C-alpha atoms as a PDB file:
ATOM      1  CA  MET A   1      21.628   0.320  24.233  1.00  0.00           C
ATOM      2  CA  ILE A   2      20.752  -3.230  24.603  1.00  0.00           C
ATOM      3  CA  VAL A   3      18.270  -4.331  22.012  1.00  0.00           C
ATOM      4  CA  TYR A   4      15.889  -7.791  22.593  1.00  0.00           C
ATOM      5  CA  LEU A   5      14.203  -9.623  19.757  1.00  0.00           C
ATOM      6  CA  SER A   6      11.099 -11.652  21.893  1.00  0.00           C
ATOM      7  CA  ILE A   7       9.698 -13.699  19.548  1.00  0.00           C
ATOM      8  CA  ALA A   8       6.467 -15.755  20.775  1.00  0.00           C
ATOM      9  CA  THR A   9       4.389 -18.169  19.350  1.00  0.00           C
ATOM     10  CA  TYR A  10       1.002 -19.958  20.237  1.00  0.00           C
ATOM     11  CA  LYS A  11       2.289 -22.886  17.603  1.00  0.00           C
ATOM     12  CA  GLY A  12       0.468 -26.101  19.507  1.00  0.00           C
ATOM     13  CA  SER A  13      -1.102 -24.563  21.858  1.00  0.00           C
ATOM     14  CA  VAL A  14      -4.173 -22.770  20.353  1.00  0.00           C
ATOM     15  CA  PRO A  15      -6.151 -24.251  17.684  1.00  0.00           C
ATOM     16  CA  LEU A  16      -5.236 -23.440  14.221  1.00  0.00           C
ATOM     17  CA  ALA A  17      -2.779 -20.628  15.292  1.00  0.00           C
ATOM     18  CA  ILE A  18      -0.330 -21.317  12.369  1.00  0.00           C
ATOM     19  CA  HIS A  19       2.327 -18.152  12.781  1.00  0.00           C
ATOM     20  CA  TYR A  20       5.062 -16.402  15.411  1.00  0.00           C
ATOM     21  CA  TYR A  21       5.504 -13.202  16.344  1.00  0.00           C
ATOM     22  CA  GLY A  22       8.464 -10.805  16.136  1.00  0.00           C
ATOM     23  CA  THR A  23       8.897  -7.522  19.092  1.00  0.00           C
ATOM     24  CA  LEU A  24      11.511  -5.316  18.660  1.00  0.00           C
ATOM     25  CA  LYS A  25      11.895  -4.030  22.826  1.00  0.00           C
ATOM     26  CA  ALA A  26      14.528  -1.943  24.696  1.00  0.00           C
ATOM     27  CA  GLU A  27      14.035  -1.088  28.379  1.00  0.00           C
ATOM     28  CA  ASP A  28      12.186   2.176  28.426  1.00  0.00           C
ATOM     29  CA  HIS A  29      11.299   2.588  25.223  1.00  0.00           C
ATOM     30  CA  GLU A  30       7.485   1.317  23.809  1.00  0.00           C
ATOM     31  CA  PRO A  31       7.676  -2.000  22.479  1.00  0.00           C
ATOM     32  CA  ILE A  32       7.556  -2.916  18.474  1.00  0.00           C
ATOM     33  CA  TRP A  33       6.201  -5.505  16.802  1.00  0.00           C
ATOM     34  CA  LEU A  34       7.541  -6.495  13.801  1.00  0.00           C
ATOM     35  CA  GLU A  35       5.613  -6.366  10.342  1.00  0.00           C
ATOM     36  CA  LYS A  36       5.910  -7.716   7.202  1.00  0.00           C
ATOM     37  CA  THR A  37       3.664  -7.596   3.066  1.00  0.00           C
ATOM     38  CA  LEU A  38       2.460  -9.927   2.713  1.00  0.00           C
ATOM     39  CA  THR A  39       2.638 -11.391  -1.274  1.00  0.00           C
ATOM     40  CA  ALA A  40      -0.389 -11.973  -2.897  1.00  0.00           C
ATOM     41  CA  ILE A  41      -0.134 -16.180  -1.518  1.00  0.00           C
ATOM     42  CA  GLU A  42       0.829 -15.118   1.444  1.00  0.00           C
ATOM     43  CA  ALA A  43      -2.712 -12.966   1.438  1.00  0.00           C
ATOM     44  CA  ALA A  44      -4.291 -15.908  -0.404  1.00  0.00           C
ATOM     45  CA  VAL A  45      -2.886 -18.125   2.595  1.00  0.00           C
ATOM     46  CA  LEU A  46      -3.872 -15.990   4.899  1.00  0.00           C
ATOM     47  CA  ASN A  47      -7.706 -15.947   3.215  1.00  0.00           C
ATOM     48  CA  ARG A  48      -7.915 -19.939   3.594  1.00  0.00           C
ATOM     49  CA  TYR A  49      -7.351 -19.610   7.389  1.00  0.00           C
ATOM     50  CA  GLU A  50      -8.933 -16.904   8.648  1.00  0.00           C
ATOM     51  CA  SER A  51     -12.388 -15.404   8.642  1.00  0.00           C
ATOM     52  CA  GLY A  52     -14.054 -12.298   9.306  1.00  0.00           C
ATOM     53  CA  TYR A  53     -11.029 -10.459   7.741  1.00  0.00           C
ATOM     54  CA  THR A  54     -10.228 -10.542   3.639  1.00  0.00           C
ATOM     55  CA  TRP A  55      -6.274 -10.069   3.057  1.00  0.00           C
ATOM     56  CA  GLU A  56      -4.618  -8.331   0.703  1.00  0.00           C
ATOM     57  CA  GLU A  57      -1.166  -8.472  -1.618  1.00  0.00           C
ATOM     58  CA  GLY A  58       0.701  -5.112   0.165  1.00  0.00           C
ATOM     59  CA  CYS A  59      -1.389  -5.427   3.403  1.00  0.00           C
ATOM     60  CA  THR A  60       1.128  -5.431   5.772  1.00  0.00           C
ATOM     61  CA  THR A  61       0.391  -7.894   8.944  1.00  0.00           C
ATOM     62  CA  SER A  62       2.721  -9.136  12.476  1.00  0.00           C
ATOM     63  CA  ARG A  63       2.102 -13.025  11.469  1.00  0.00           C
ATOM     64  CA  LEU A  64       5.183 -14.246  10.092  1.00  0.00           C
ATOM     65  CA  LYS A  65       5.619 -17.221   9.128  1.00  0.00           C
ATOM     66  CA  SER A  66       8.488 -18.922  11.025  1.00  0.00           C
ATOM     67  CA  GLU A  67      10.661 -17.943  13.673  1.00  0.00           C
ATOM     68  CA  ASP A  68      13.418 -17.737  11.170  1.00  0.00           C
ATOM     69  CA  GLU A  69      11.390 -15.025   9.095  1.00  0.00           C
ATOM     70  CA  ALA A  70      10.987 -12.777  12.375  1.00  0.00           C
ATOM     71  CA  ARG A  71      15.154 -13.010  12.862  1.00  0.00           C
ATOM     72  CA  LYS A  72      14.856 -11.584   9.464  1.00  0.00           C
ATOM     73  CA  ILE A  73      12.665  -9.538   9.917  1.00  0.00           C
ATOM     74  CA  GLY A  74      14.341  -8.199  12.807  1.00  0.00           C
ATOM     75  CA  MET A  75      17.896  -8.327  11.930  1.00  0.00           C
ATOM     76  CA  SER A  76      17.421  -5.894   8.981  1.00  0.00           C
ATOM     77  CA  SER A  77      14.940  -3.417  10.979  1.00  0.00           C
ATOM     78  CA  TRP A  78      15.941  -2.988  14.177  1.00  0.00           C
ATOM     79  CA  ARG A  79      18.466   0.051  13.784  1.00  0.00           C
ATOM     80  CA  GLU A  80      15.668   1.940  11.908  1.00  0.00           C
ATOM     81  CA  PHE A  81      13.667   1.738  15.682  1.00  0.00           C
ATOM     82  CA  TYR A  82      17.019   2.221  17.930  1.00  0.00           C
ATOM     83  CA  PRO A  83      20.008   3.460  16.093  1.00  0.00           C
ATOM     84  CA  THR A  84      21.415   4.180  19.682  1.00  0.00           C
ATOM     85  CA  GLY A  85      21.547  -0.014  19.411  1.00  0.00           C
ATOM     86  CA  GLN A  86      24.488  -1.388  20.152  1.00  0.00           C
ATOM     87  CA  VAL A  87      23.895  -5.216  20.050  1.00  0.00           C
ATOM     88  CA  LEU A  88      20.172  -6.545  19.070  1.00  0.00           C
ATOM     89  CA  MET A  89      20.220 -10.619  21.108  1.00  0.00           C
ATOM     90  CA  GLU A  90      16.965 -12.947  21.048  1.00  0.00           C
ATOM     91  CA  GLY A  91      15.207 -13.374  24.516  1.00  0.00           C
ATOM     92  CA  GLU A  92      13.615 -10.118  26.698  1.00  0.00           C
ATOM     93  CA  PRO A  93      15.403  -7.556  28.685  1.00  0.00           C
ATOM     94  CA  HIS A  94      14.036  -8.819  31.861  1.00  0.00           C
ATOM     95  CA  TRP A  95      16.070 -12.593  31.884  1.00  0.00           C
ATOM     96  CA  ARG A  96      19.014 -12.339  33.483  1.00  0.00           C
ATOM     97  CA  GLU A  97      20.929 -15.056  31.416  1.00  0.00           C
ATOM     98  CA  PRO A  98      23.420 -15.147  28.475  1.00  0.00           C
ATOM     99  CA  GLN A  99      20.707 -14.939  26.204  1.00  0.00           C
ATOM    100  CA  PHE A 100      21.988 -15.204  22.215  1.00  0.00           C
ATOM    101  CA  ILE A 101      23.499 -12.070  20.379  1.00  0.00           C
ATOM    102  CA  LEU A 102      22.028 -11.734  16.716  1.00  0.00           C
ATOM    103  CA  THR A 103      24.249  -8.795  15.402  1.00  0.00           C
ATOM    104  CA  GLY A 104      25.547  -5.755  16.315  1.00  0.00           C
ATOM    105  CA  LEU A 105      29.282  -5.301  18.532  1.00  0.00           C
ATOM    106  CA  THR A 106      31.885  -7.194  16.628  1.00  0.00           C
ATOM    107  CA  PRO A 107      32.004 -11.018  14.714  1.00  0.00           C
ATOM    108  CA  GLU A 108      34.677 -11.940  17.515  1.00  0.00           C
ATOM    109  CA  GLN A 109      32.710 -10.493  20.147  1.00  0.00           C
ATOM    110  CA  ARG A 110      29.368 -12.557  19.388  1.00  0.00           C
ATOM    111  CA  ILE A 111      31.408 -15.743  18.832  1.00  0.00           C
ATOM    112  CA  ALA A 112      33.174 -15.469  22.288  1.00  0.00           C
ATOM    113  CA  LEU A 113      29.443 -14.254  23.646  1.00  0.00           C
ATOM    114  CA  ASN A 114      27.409 -16.652  22.474  1.00  0.00           C
ATOM    115  CA  SER A 115      29.621 -20.013  22.726  1.00  0.00           C
ATOM    116  CA  ILE A 116      29.320 -18.683  26.699  1.00  0.00           C
ATOM    117  CA  PHE A 117      25.102 -18.746  26.008  1.00  0.00           C
ATOM    118  CA  MET A 118      25.557 -22.422  24.095  1.00  0.00           C
ATOM    119  CA  ALA A 119      27.615 -23.517  27.093  1.00  0.00           C
ATOM    120  CA  CYS A 120      24.994 -22.975  29.082  1.00  0.00           C
ATOM    121  CA  GLU A 121      23.224 -25.118  27.212  1.00  0.00           C
ATOM    122  CA  LYS A 122      24.803 -27.512  27.006  1.00  0.00           C
ATOM    123  CA  LEU A 123      24.445 -27.839  30.692  1.00  0.00           C
ATOM    124  CA  GLY A 124      20.873 -27.028  31.036  1.00  0.00           C
ATOM    125  CA  TRP A 125      20.594 -24.130  31.810  1.00  0.00           C
ATOM    126  CA  TRP A 126      19.809 -23.322  35.792  1.00  0.00           C
ATOM    127  CA  ASP A 127      17.534 -26.825  35.078  1.00  0.00           C
ATOM    128  CA  GLY A 128      21.157 -29.373  34.746  1.00  0.00           C
ATOM    129  CA  GLY A 129      22.151 -30.177  38.752  1.00  0.00           C
ATOM    130  CA  ASN A 130      25.055 -27.468  37.166  1.00  0.00           C
ATOM    131  CA  VAL A 131      23.860 -24.463  39.266  1.00  0.00           C
ATOM    132  CA  ALA A 132      27.925 -23.841  39.995  1.00  0.00           C
ATOM    133  CA  GLU A 133      28.881 -24.151  36.367  1.00  0.00           C
ATOM    134  CA  VAL A 134      26.204 -21.708  34.310  1.00  0.00           C
ATOM    135  CA  SER A 135      26.197 -19.406  37.531  1.00  0.00           C
ATOM    136  CA  ALA A 136      30.202 -19.273  36.304  1.00  0.00           C
ATOM    137  CA  LYS A 137      28.965 -18.909  32.478  1.00  0.00           C
ATOM    138  CA  ASN A 138      26.137 -16.433  33.705  1.00  0.00           C
ATOM    139  CA  LYS A 139      28.779 -14.139  35.792  1.00  0.00           C
ATOM    140  CA  GLU A 140      31.787 -14.747  33.060  1.00  0.00           C
ATOM    141  CA  TRP A 141      28.711 -13.101  30.194  1.00  0.00           C
ATOM    142  CA  HIS A 142      27.935 -10.274  31.335  1.00  0.00           C
ATOM    143  CA  GLY A 143      31.304  -9.053  32.800  1.00  0.00           C
ATOM    144  CA  LEU A 144      31.799  -9.582  28.714  1.00  0.00           C
ATOM    145  CA  LEU A 145      29.608  -7.973  28.000  1.00  0.00           C
ATOM    146  CA  ALA A 146      29.510  -5.643  29.596  1.00  0.00           C
ATOM    147  CA  ARG A 147      33.781  -3.907  28.890  1.00  0.00           C
ATOM    148  CA  TYR A 148      31.739  -5.285  25.322  1.00  0.00           C
ATOM    149  CA  LEU A 149      29.936  -2.581  25.263  1.00  0.00           C
ATOM    150  CA  GLU A 150      32.049   0.375  27.412  1.00  0.00           C
ATOM    151  CA  VAL A 151      34.026   0.403  23.940  1.00  0.00           C
ATOM    152  CA  THR A 152      32.072   0.303  21.164  1.00  0.00           C
END
């Protein structure tokens, strides 16, 4: 099973938005919102910026400080929610382009797949004027992923 970590934010598009949100997704499963337990300092920061609710140390929230925090929580908890998951990648189930592999598979397999992902980024994906190259990389990435998932 492929598990996806989707990271979103309203930062930059909604005034005063400062948080990120992480969701674990797998096809044919309900999404799981990532949460963390607040420290006293984090609760104080939330109380300063948000009205209508009083945050305390020990409360849980889906409001995360950064993309990195979402990745850290996702990578440490994905197997808890999806014990049969074989790989965790950052992205969405409906995206059909290469996605960055966060964990799962072997280190060598992750390196092979992520090098293809990074090559697509360097090419500018579909908008970079290298459609034939990106298409070939896309096909190569999907072929490798399918082969790796058969073996694992």
